[in-house]
Amino acid sequence: MASQGCNASPYDGLAERYDRARPSYPPESIAHLQVEEGDIVADIGAGTGIFTRQLAAALGEARVVGIEASEDMHREAEQSSAAFANLSFVQGRAEALPFEDNAVRILTVATAIHWFDRPSFYAEAVRCLRSDGELLVLQNIRRWWENAFLADYERLHESAVDDYRRGRYPARHGGYDEIDVERELRSRPDVRDVGVSDFTWSHRMSSDEFVDLSLSSSITQRAISTIGEQAYLQALRQSLEQHAGRTGMVEIPYLTRVTSAKPFAPTDH
C-alpha cells in the first residue's frame, strides 16, 4: 500500500496475513453510491483487495479497478479476488494513476492515504474523476479512547516505537503524521462539497485473531524491530489475558470515517 515505488512496501511479506486478519468496512459507509453499467470505480492503495472486493460486490454494474504499489499485496489481491468478474488489479502508484482524464466515476482510498504523497494524489484524483465523480477516503479507526484493552495496546506501541503517539499514522517518510483529510481537501481550490460521515461498529475477536491482526500492522513490525518479537508478543498476550478473561474474546470498537469530495467542473470555477 505504500506509494514510494512499485517494488517497496512495508507490507511485503505480510500480504497473506493482512488479507486474512484485516477487517472490512461497514456496508452503510458505501450504501449511497450509485453507478451505471460500465462506470469505472477505482480503489487506490487497494492492498490485498479487502475493500475493493466489497466495492465490486456492492456495485456489480461497475468496472472496479484496484491500484496497488506493492508486488506482494498486488499478487495476493489477484489470487483472492478471482471470483469477481467485474474486478481487476493494476500495479501502480497513487501519484500517477493509470486512467485518462475525466474517466473515473468513483475513486476510493481505504485506510491507505497516509502512505501517499497526498497533494500529488489529490491532484491526480481530480484529473481522473468525471465532472459527476466523487472521491471517498475511508479510515478504519480503532476507538482506543473508550476501550481499556485498546488503550493498553496503544501504550505498548508508544513505549516501543520512537515518536509514535496514538492517533498518528505511519508515514511514507518513515515517521508518523497526524492526518486531517477534511482540512486538506477543504484547502484545495479544485474540489467542492467536502463532507464527513462517521460510522461506529464493533468486531468481536479471539485473542489469537487479534495477535494475527496486530502482526499485519506496520507499527507492530516497527515495535518488533526495536524490542524483539518475543518481548512484543509476551506483552501483547499478557494484555489480552487481562482483558479477554475466560472467554478469550475481545471486543474491538471501530469508527469508520468517510471523507468525501467532488471535483470542480470547468463551469464551476
C-alpha atoms as a PDB file:
ATOM      1  CA  MET A   1       0.000   0.000   0.000  1.00  0.00           C
ATOM      2  CA  ALA A   2       2.988   2.319   0.019  1.00  0.00           C
ATOM      3  CA  SER A   3       3.467   4.664  -2.894  1.00  0.00           C
ATOM      4  CA  GLN A   4       7.186   5.297  -2.828  1.00  0.00           C
ATOM      5  CA  GLY A   5       7.607   2.856  -5.693  1.00  0.00           C
ATOM      6  CA  CYS A   6       6.152  -0.271  -7.177  1.00  0.00           C
ATOM      7  CA  ASN A   7       8.704  -2.606  -5.552  1.00  0.00           C
ATOM      8  CA  ALA A   8       8.893  -1.331  -1.954  1.00  0.00           C
ATOM      9  CA  SER A   9       6.216  -1.640   0.697  1.00  0.00           C
ATOM     10  CA  PRO A  10       6.181  -2.003   4.489  1.00  0.00           C
ATOM     11  CA  TYR A  11       3.719  -4.860   3.901  1.00  0.00           C
ATOM     12  CA  ASP A  12       5.910  -7.035   1.678  1.00  0.00           C
ATOM     13  CA  GLY A  13       5.942 -10.473   3.258  1.00  0.00           C
ATOM     14  CA  LEU A  14       2.748  -9.737   5.215  1.00  0.00           C
ATOM     15  CA  ALA A  15       0.173  -9.952   2.412  1.00  0.00           C
ATOM     16  CA  GLU A  16      -1.355 -13.338   3.272  1.00  0.00           C
ATOM     17  CA  ARG A  17      -1.720 -12.443   6.950  1.00  0.00           C
ATOM     18  CA  TYR A  18      -3.010  -8.969   6.046  1.00  0.00           C
ATOM     19  CA  ASP A  19      -5.755 -10.415   3.842  1.00  0.00           C
ATOM     20  CA  ARG A  20      -6.730 -12.938   6.499  1.00  0.00           C
ATOM     21  CA  ALA A  21      -6.688 -10.641   9.527  1.00  0.00           C
ATOM     22  CA  ARG A  22      -7.777  -7.153   8.461  1.00  0.00           C
ATOM     23  CA  PRO A  23     -11.438  -6.143   8.833  1.00  0.00           C
ATOM     24  CA  SER A  24     -13.687  -4.899   6.054  1.00  0.00           C
ATOM     25  CA  TYR A  25     -15.831  -1.758   6.244  1.00  0.00           C
ATOM     26  CA  PRO A  26     -19.457  -1.246   7.349  1.00  0.00           C
ATOM     27  CA  PRO A  27     -21.821  -1.679   4.363  1.00  0.00           C
ATOM     28  CA  GLU A  28     -23.595   1.577   5.209  1.00  0.00           C
ATOM     29  CA  SER A  29     -20.383   3.505   4.535  1.00  0.00           C
ATOM     30  CA  ILE A  30     -20.857   2.948   0.787  1.00  0.00           C
ATOM     31  CA  ALA A  31     -24.621   2.384   0.659  1.00  0.00           C
ATOM     32  CA  HIS A  32     -25.215   5.758  -1.016  1.00  0.00           C
ATOM     33  CA  LEU A  33     -23.014   5.010  -4.022  1.00  0.00           C
ATOM     34  CA  GLN A  34     -24.748   4.580  -7.365  1.00  0.00           C
ATOM     35  CA  VAL A  35     -23.265   3.606 -10.704  1.00  0.00           C
ATOM     36  CA  GLU A  36     -24.371   2.775 -14.210  1.00  0.00           C
ATOM     37  CA  GLU A  37     -23.187  -0.127 -16.313  1.00  0.00           C
ATOM     38  CA  GLY A  38     -19.563   0.248 -17.309  1.00  0.00           C
ATOM     39  CA  ASP A  39     -18.716   3.070 -14.902  1.00  0.00           C
ATOM     40  CA  ILE A  40     -15.151   2.916 -13.617  1.00  0.00           C
ATOM     41  CA  VAL A  41     -14.715   2.659  -9.852  1.00  0.00           C
ATOM     42  CA  ALA A  42     -11.082   2.850  -8.739  1.00  0.00           C
ATOM     43  CA  ASP A  43      -9.756   1.817  -5.325  1.00  0.00           C
ATOM     44  CA  ILE A  44      -6.317   3.321  -4.710  1.00  0.00           C
ATOM     45  CA  GLY A  45      -3.865   1.665  -2.338  1.00  0.00           C
ATOM     46  CA  ALA A  46      -6.020  -1.438  -2.642  1.00  0.00           C
ATOM     47  CA  GLY A  47      -3.717  -3.674  -0.624  1.00  0.00           C
ATOM     48  CA  THR A  48      -4.952  -7.262  -0.862  1.00  0.00           C
ATOM     49  CA  GLY A  49      -8.326  -6.121  -2.151  1.00  0.00           C
ATOM     50  CA  ILE A  50     -10.404  -6.334   1.031  1.00  0.00           C
ATOM     51  CA  PHE A  51     -12.347  -3.134   0.363  1.00  0.00           C
ATOM     52  CA  THR A  52     -12.012  -3.476  -3.410  1.00  0.00           C
ATOM     53  CA  ARG A  53     -13.954  -6.743  -3.294  1.00  0.00           C
ATOM     54  CA  GLN A  54     -16.576  -5.051  -1.129  1.00  0.00           C
ATOM     55  CA  LEU A  55     -16.967  -2.394  -3.825  1.00  0.00           C
ATOM     56  CA  ALA A  56     -17.188  -4.996  -6.588  1.00  0.00           C
ATOM     57  CA  ALA A  57     -19.928  -6.878  -4.731  1.00  0.00           C
ATOM     58  CA  ALA A  58     -21.944  -3.749  -3.949  1.00  0.00           C
ATOM     59  CA  LEU A  59     -21.541  -2.107  -7.371  1.00  0.00           C
ATOM     60  CA  GLY A  60     -21.989  -5.042  -9.696  1.00  0.00           C
ATOM     61  CA  GLU A  61     -22.603  -2.957 -12.817  1.00  0.00           C
ATOM     62  CA  ALA A  62     -19.331  -1.071 -12.440  1.00  0.00           C
ATOM     63  CA  ARG A  63     -15.875  -1.941 -13.666  1.00  0.00           C
ATOM     64  CA  VAL A  64     -13.886  -1.929 -10.414  1.00  0.00           C
ATOM     65  CA  VAL A  65     -10.112  -1.484 -10.608  1.00  0.00           C
ATOM     66  CA  GLY A  66      -7.742  -1.805  -7.655  1.00  0.00           C
ATOM     67  CA  ILE A  67      -4.444   0.077  -7.821  1.00  0.00           C
ATOM     68  CA  GLU A  68      -1.671  -1.216  -5.566  1.00  0.00           C
ATOM     69  CA  ALA A  69       2.049  -0.419  -5.465  1.00  0.00           C
ATOM     70  CA  SER A  70       3.361  -3.490  -3.639  1.00  0.00           C
ATOM     71  CA  GLU A  71       4.100  -6.565  -5.739  1.00  0.00           C
ATOM     72  CA  ASP A  72       3.342  -8.835  -2.790  1.00  0.00           C
ATOM     73  CA  MET A  73      -0.011  -7.197  -1.976  1.00  0.00           C
ATOM     74  CA  HIS A  74      -0.963  -6.978  -5.667  1.00  0.00           C
ATOM     75  CA  ARG A  75      -0.316 -10.692  -6.140  1.00  0.00           C
ATOM     76  CA  GLU A  76      -2.406 -11.592  -3.074  1.00  0.00           C
ATOM     77  CA  ALA A  77      -5.225  -9.313  -4.273  1.00  0.00           C
ATOM     78  CA  GLU A  78      -5.413 -11.050  -7.635  1.00  0.00           C
ATOM     79  CA  GLN A  79      -5.351 -14.509  -6.054  1.00  0.00           C
ATOM     80  CA  SER A  80      -8.062 -13.637  -3.513  1.00  0.00           C
ATOM     81  CA  SER A  81     -10.385 -11.907  -5.980  1.00  0.00           C
ATOM     82  CA  ALA A  82     -10.662 -14.352  -8.864  1.00  0.00           C
ATOM     83  CA  ALA A  83     -14.379 -14.901  -8.258  1.00  0.00           C
ATOM     84  CA  PHE A  84     -15.283 -11.298  -9.154  1.00  0.00           C
ATOM     85  CA  ALA A  85     -15.846 -10.878 -12.896  1.00  0.00           C
ATOM     86  CA  ASN A  86     -16.090  -7.069 -12.637  1.00  0.00           C
ATOM     87  CA  LEU A  87     -12.853  -6.649 -10.682  1.00  0.00           C
ATOM     88  CA  SER A  88      -9.248  -6.287 -11.825  1.00  0.00           C
ATOM     89  CA  PHE A  89      -5.996  -5.063 -10.280  1.00  0.00           C
ATOM     90  CA  VAL A  90      -3.175  -2.957 -11.672  1.00  0.00           C
ATOM     91  CA  GLN A  91       0.178  -2.408 -10.030  1.00  0.00           C
ATOM     92  CA  GLY A  92       0.721   1.327  -9.818  1.00  0.00           C
ATOM     93  CA  ARG A  93       1.176   4.421  -7.669  1.00  0.00           C
ATOM     94  CA  ALA A  94      -1.368   6.800  -6.178  1.00  0.00           C
ATOM     95  CA  GLU A  95       0.574   9.761  -7.538  1.00  0.00           C
ATOM     96  CA  ALA A  96       0.493   8.541 -11.173  1.00  0.00           C
ATOM     97  CA  LEU A  97      -2.862   6.880 -11.739  1.00  0.00           C
ATOM     98  CA  PRO A  98      -3.328   4.800 -14.924  1.00  0.00           C
ATOM     99  CA  PHE A  99      -6.563   6.472 -16.018  1.00  0.00           C
ATOM    100  CA  GLU A 100      -7.410   9.008 -18.691  1.00  0.00           C
ATOM    101  CA  ASP A 101      -8.669  12.448 -17.734  1.00  0.00           C
ATOM    102  CA  ASN A 102     -12.328  12.597 -16.619  1.00  0.00           C
ATOM    103  CA  ALA A 103     -12.694   8.801 -16.782  1.00  0.00           C
ATOM    104  CA  VAL A 104     -13.479   7.633 -13.225  1.00  0.00           C
ATOM    105  CA  ARG A 105     -16.940   7.772 -11.661  1.00  0.00           C
ATOM    106  CA  ILE A 106     -15.904   6.920  -8.064  1.00  0.00           C
ATOM    107  CA  LEU A 107     -12.396   6.941  -6.620  1.00  0.00           C
ATOM    108  CA  THR A 108     -11.789   5.464  -3.162  1.00  0.00           C
ATOM    109  CA  VAL A 109      -8.965   5.098  -0.663  1.00  0.00           C
ATOM    110  CA  ALA A 110      -9.453   2.768   2.310  1.00  0.00           C
ATOM    111  CA  THR A 111      -7.027   3.150   5.238  1.00  0.00           C
ATOM    112  CA  ALA A 112      -4.108   3.806   2.895  1.00  0.00           C
ATOM    113  CA  ILE A 113      -3.925   7.555   2.341  1.00  0.00           C
ATOM    114  CA  HIS A 114      -1.231   8.043   4.990  1.00  0.00           C
ATOM    115  CA  TRP A 115       1.214   6.284   2.656  1.00  0.00           C
ATOM    116  CA  PHE A 116       0.619   8.719  -0.211  1.00  0.00           C
ATOM    117  CA  ASP A 117       2.155  11.994  -1.272  1.00  0.00           C
ATOM    118  CA  ARG A 118      -1.272  13.467  -0.619  1.00  0.00           C
ATOM    119  CA  PRO A 119      -1.078  16.755  -2.562  1.00  0.00           C
ATOM    120  CA  SER A 120       0.074  14.837  -5.635  1.00  0.00           C
ATOM    121  CA  PHE A 121      -2.609  12.207  -5.113  1.00  0.00           C
ATOM    122  CA  TYR A 122      -5.389  14.767  -4.711  1.00  0.00           C
ATOM    123  CA  ALA A 123      -4.329  16.415  -7.979  1.00  0.00           C
ATOM    124  CA  GLU A 124      -4.373  13.034  -9.725  1.00  0.00           C
ATOM    125  CA  ALA A 125      -7.802  12.231  -8.284  1.00  0.00           C
ATOM    126  CA  VAL A 126      -9.224  15.492  -9.628  1.00  0.00           C
ATOM    127  CA  ARG A 127      -7.662  14.826 -13.025  1.00  0.00           C
ATOM    128  CA  CYS A 128      -9.136  11.331 -13.281  1.00  0.00           C
ATOM    129  CA  LEU A 129     -12.608  11.976 -11.894  1.00  0.00           C
ATOM    130  CA  ARG A 130     -15.536  12.778 -14.147  1.00  0.00           C
ATOM    131  CA  SER A 131     -17.383  16.028 -13.574  1.00  0.00           C
ATOM    132  CA  ASP A 132     -20.036  13.971 -11.724  1.00  0.00           C
ATOM    133  CA  GLY A 133     -17.398  11.897  -9.946  1.00  0.00           C
ATOM    134  CA  GLU A 134     -16.707  11.508  -6.251  1.00  0.00           C
ATOM    135  CA  LEU A 135     -13.673  10.890  -4.073  1.00  0.00           C
ATOM    136  CA  LEU A 136     -14.148   8.854  -0.881  1.00  0.00           C
ATOM    137  CA  VAL A 137     -11.399   8.486   1.714  1.00  0.00           C
ATOM    138  CA  LEU A 138     -12.223   5.850   4.344  1.00  0.00           C
ATOM    139  CA  GLN A 139     -10.309   5.381   7.581  1.00  0.00           C
ATOM    140  CA  ASN A 140     -10.936   2.452   9.925  1.00  0.00           C
ATOM    141  CA  ILE A 141     -10.018   3.821  13.357  1.00  0.00           C
ATOM    142  CA  ARG A 142      -9.954   1.646  16.471  1.00  0.00           C
ATOM    143  CA  ARG A 143     -11.706   3.563  19.261  1.00  0.00           C
ATOM    144  CA  TRP A 144      -8.873   3.337  21.809  1.00  0.00           C
ATOM    145  CA  TRP A 145     -10.264   6.303  23.780  1.00  0.00           C
ATOM    146  CA  GLU A 146     -13.202   4.250  25.053  1.00  0.00           C
ATOM    147  CA  ASN A 147     -11.718   0.756  25.366  1.00  0.00           C
ATOM    148  CA  ALA A 148      -9.285  -0.276  28.096  1.00  0.00           C
ATOM    149  CA  PHE A 149      -7.631  -3.043  26.093  1.00  0.00           C
ATOM    150  CA  LEU A 150      -7.050  -0.796  23.066  1.00  0.00           C
ATOM    151  CA  ALA A 151      -5.626   1.902  25.352  1.00  0.00           C
ATOM    152  CA  ASP A 152      -3.125  -0.670  26.663  1.00  0.00           C
ATOM    153  CA  TYR A 153      -2.368  -1.727  23.087  1.00  0.00           C
ATOM    154  CA  GLU A 154      -1.560   1.862  22.142  1.00  0.00           C
ATOM    155  CA  ARG A 155       0.667   2.231  25.225  1.00  0.00           C
ATOM    156  CA  LEU A 156       2.609  -0.853  24.127  1.00  0.00           C
ATOM    157  CA  HIS A 157       3.385   0.772  20.788  1.00  0.00           C
ATOM    158  CA  GLU A 158       4.140   4.156  22.337  1.00  0.00           C
ATOM    159  CA  SER A 159       6.665   2.542  24.672  1.00  0.00           C
ATOM    160  CA  ALA A 160       8.332   0.523  21.916  1.00  0.00           C
ATOM    161  CA  VAL A 161       8.368   2.882  18.918  1.00  0.00           C
ATOM    162  CA  ASP A 162      10.117   6.260  18.987  1.00  0.00           C
ATOM    163  CA  ASP A 163       7.874   9.193  18.070  1.00  0.00           C
ATOM    164  CA  TYR A 164       4.717   7.101  17.821  1.00  0.00           C
ATOM    165  CA  ARG A 165       1.662   8.530  19.574  1.00  0.00           C
ATOM    166  CA  ARG A 166      -1.880   7.236  19.416  1.00  0.00           C
ATOM    167  CA  GLY A 167      -3.924   8.945  16.751  1.00  0.00           C
ATOM    168  CA  ARG A 168      -0.966   9.281  14.423  1.00  0.00           C
ATOM    169  CA  TYR A 169      -0.429   7.345  11.219  1.00  0.00           C
ATOM    170  CA  PRO A 170       2.769   5.776   9.854  1.00  0.00           C
ATOM    171  CA  ALA A 171       4.043   7.984   7.056  1.00  0.00           C
ATOM    172  CA  ARG A 172       5.803   7.408   3.773  1.00  0.00           C
ATOM    173  CA  HIS A 173       8.933   9.175   5.074  1.00  0.00           C
ATOM    174  CA  GLY A 174       9.236   6.715   7.970  1.00  0.00           C
ATOM    175  CA  GLY A 175       7.862   8.858  10.794  1.00  0.00           C
ATOM    176  CA  TYR A 176       4.311   9.444  11.996  1.00  0.00           C
ATOM    177  CA  ASP A 177       1.767  12.057  10.966  1.00  0.00           C
ATOM    178  CA  GLU A 178      -1.483  13.456  12.265  1.00  0.00           C
ATOM    179  CA  ILE A 179      -3.789  13.499   9.257  1.00  0.00           C
ATOM    180  CA  ASP A 180      -6.892  15.627   8.740  1.00  0.00           C
ATOM    181  CA  VAL A 181      -8.214  14.694   5.307  1.00  0.00           C
ATOM    182  CA  GLU A 182     -11.186  17.027   5.604  1.00  0.00           C
ATOM    183  CA  ARG A 183      -8.963  20.028   6.280  1.00  0.00           C
ATOM    184  CA  GLU A 184      -6.611  19.094   3.469  1.00  0.00           C
ATOM    185  CA  LEU A 185      -9.429  18.795   0.958  1.00  0.00           C
ATOM    186  CA  ARG A 186     -11.176  21.988   2.088  1.00  0.00           C
ATOM    187  CA  SER A 187      -7.943  23.880   1.486  1.00  0.00           C
ATOM    188  CA  ARG A 188      -7.852  22.873  -2.185  1.00  0.00           C
ATOM    189  CA  PRO A 189      -9.423  25.067  -4.870  1.00  0.00           C
ATOM    190  CA  ASP A 190     -10.041  22.125  -7.212  1.00  0.00           C
ATOM    191  CA  VAL A 191     -12.594  20.250  -5.066  1.00  0.00           C
ATOM    192  CA  ARG A 192     -16.035  21.083  -3.693  1.00  0.00           C
ATOM    193  CA  ASP A 193     -18.757  19.645  -1.449  1.00  0.00           C
ATOM    194  CA  VAL A 194     -16.348  18.224   1.133  1.00  0.00           C
ATOM    195  CA  GLY A 195     -18.186  16.215   3.773  1.00  0.00           C
ATOM    196  CA  VAL A 196     -17.518  13.765   6.595  1.00  0.00           C
ATOM    197  CA  SER A 197     -19.632  10.843   7.808  1.00  0.00           C
ATOM    198  CA  ASP A 198     -18.766   8.629  10.787  1.00  0.00           C
ATOM    199  CA  PHE A 199     -19.952   5.045  11.286  1.00  0.00           C
ATOM    200  CA  THR A 200     -19.409   3.207  14.576  1.00  0.00           C
ATOM    201  CA  TRP A 201     -19.323  -0.564  14.785  1.00  0.00           C
ATOM    202  CA  SER A 202     -17.612  -3.343  16.678  1.00  0.00           C
ATOM    203  CA  HIS A 203     -15.780  -6.554  15.867  1.00  0.00           C
ATOM    204  CA  ARG A 204     -15.518  -9.443  18.324  1.00  0.00           C
ATOM    205  CA  MET A 205     -12.249 -11.353  18.020  1.00  0.00           C
ATOM    206  CA  SER A 206     -10.427 -14.169  19.735  1.00  0.00           C
ATOM    207  CA  SER A 207      -7.071 -13.384  21.302  1.00  0.00           C
ATOM    208  CA  ASP A 208      -5.297 -15.335  18.557  1.00  0.00           C
ATOM    209  CA  GLU A 209      -7.168 -13.424  15.877  1.00  0.00           C
ATOM    210  CA  PHE A 210      -6.105 -10.137  17.412  1.00  0.00           C
ATOM    211  CA  VAL A 211      -2.473 -11.259  17.540  1.00  0.00           C
ATOM    212  CA  ASP A 212      -2.767 -12.101  13.836  1.00  0.00           C
ATOM    213  CA  LEU A 213      -4.266  -8.664  13.160  1.00  0.00           C
ATOM    214  CA  SER A 214      -1.501  -6.958  15.128  1.00  0.00           C
ATOM    215  CA  LEU A 215       1.245  -8.795  13.262  1.00  0.00           C
ATOM    216  CA  SER A 216      -0.184  -7.476   9.972  1.00  0.00           C
ATOM    217  CA  SER A 217       0.458  -3.905  11.160  1.00  0.00           C
ATOM    218  CA  SER A 218       3.454  -1.840  10.077  1.00  0.00           C
ATOM    219  CA  ILE A 219       3.526  -0.197  13.529  1.00  0.00           C
ATOM    220  CA  THR A 220       3.773  -3.614  15.166  1.00  0.00           C
ATOM    221  CA  GLN A 221       6.600  -4.534  12.812  1.00  0.00           C
ATOM    222  CA  ARG A 222       8.456  -1.373  13.847  1.00  0.00           C
ATOM    223  CA  ALA A 223       7.910  -2.262  17.513  1.00  0.00           C
ATOM    224  CA  ILE A 224       9.238  -5.782  16.929  1.00  0.00           C
ATOM    225  CA  SER A 225      12.329  -4.417  15.202  1.00  0.00           C
ATOM    226  CA  THR A 226      13.013  -2.396  18.375  1.00  0.00           C
ATOM    227  CA  ILE A 227      12.202  -4.757  21.259  1.00  0.00           C
ATOM    228  CA  GLY A 228      12.106  -8.134  19.506  1.00  0.00           C
ATOM    229  CA  GLU A 229       9.202 -10.384  18.591  1.00  0.00           C
ATOM    230  CA  GLN A 230       9.317 -12.449  21.781  1.00  0.00           C
ATOM    231  CA  ALA A 231       9.098  -9.418  24.075  1.00  0.00           C
ATOM    232  CA  TYR A 232       6.392  -7.818  21.954  1.00  0.00           C
ATOM    233  CA  LEU A 233       4.191 -10.928  21.836  1.00  0.00           C
ATOM    234  CA  GLN A 234       4.665 -11.560  25.556  1.00  0.00           C
ATOM    235  CA  ALA A 235       3.450  -8.049  26.385  1.00  0.00           C
ATOM    236  CA  LEU A 236       0.539  -8.282  23.941  1.00  0.00           C
ATOM    237  CA  ARG A 237      -0.619 -11.678  25.220  1.00  0.00           C
ATOM    238  CA  GLN A 238      -0.415 -10.520  28.835  1.00  0.00           C
ATOM    239  CA  SER A 239      -2.720  -7.636  27.974  1.00  0.00           C
ATOM    240  CA  LEU A 240      -5.073  -9.938  26.103  1.00  0.00           C
ATOM    241  CA  GLU A 241      -5.227 -12.344  29.031  1.00  0.00           C
ATOM    242  CA  GLN A 242      -6.059  -9.471  31.364  1.00  0.00           C
ATOM    243  CA  HIS A 243      -8.858  -8.072  29.219  1.00  0.00           C
ATOM    244  CA  ALA A 244     -10.243 -11.140  27.438  1.00  0.00           C
ATOM    245  CA  GLY A 245     -10.772 -13.166  30.575  1.00  0.00           C
ATOM    246  CA  ARG A 246     -12.048 -16.736  30.438  1.00  0.00           C
ATOM    247  CA  THR A 247     -13.817 -16.303  27.120  1.00  0.00           C
ATOM    248  CA  GLY A 248     -10.602 -15.480  25.304  1.00  0.00           C
ATOM    249  CA  MET A 249     -12.527 -12.886  23.277  1.00  0.00           C
ATOM    250  CA  VAL A 250     -12.068  -9.143  22.980  1.00  0.00           C
ATOM    251  CA  GLU A 251     -14.486  -6.571  21.609  1.00  0.00           C
ATOM    252  CA  ILE A 252     -12.783  -4.141  19.231  1.00  0.00           C
ATOM    253  CA  PRO A 253     -14.830  -0.966  18.667  1.00  0.00           C
ATOM    254  CA  TYR A 254     -14.212   0.857  15.404  1.00  0.00           C
ATOM    255  CA  LEU A 255     -15.060   4.215  13.915  1.00  0.00           C
ATOM    256  CA  THR A 256     -15.090   4.308  10.123  1.00  0.00           C
ATOM    257  CA  ARG A 257     -14.668   7.896   8.936  1.00  0.00           C
ATOM    258  CA  VAL A 258     -15.638   8.645   5.338  1.00  0.00           C
ATOM    259  CA  THR A 259     -14.439  11.950   3.907  1.00  0.00           C
ATOM    260  CA  SER A 260     -15.930  12.730   0.514  1.00  0.00           C
ATOM    261  CA  ALA A 261     -15.385  15.428  -2.099  1.00  0.00           C
ATOM    262  CA  LYS A 262     -16.255  16.202  -5.693  1.00  0.00           C
ATOM    263  CA  PRO A 263     -14.118  17.826  -8.365  1.00  0.00           C
ATOM    264  CA  PHE A 264     -14.882  21.254  -9.680  1.00  0.00           C
ATOM    265  CA  ALA A 265     -16.250  21.019 -13.203  1.00  0.00           C
ATOM    266  CA  PRO A 266     -14.802  23.648 -15.577  1.00  0.00           C
ATOM    267  CA  THR A 267     -18.034  25.640 -15.364  1.00  0.00           C
ATOM    268  CA  ASP A 268     -17.795  25.700 -11.546  1.00  0.00           C
ATOM    269  CA  HIS A 269     -14.673  27.873 -11.472  1.00  0.00           C
END
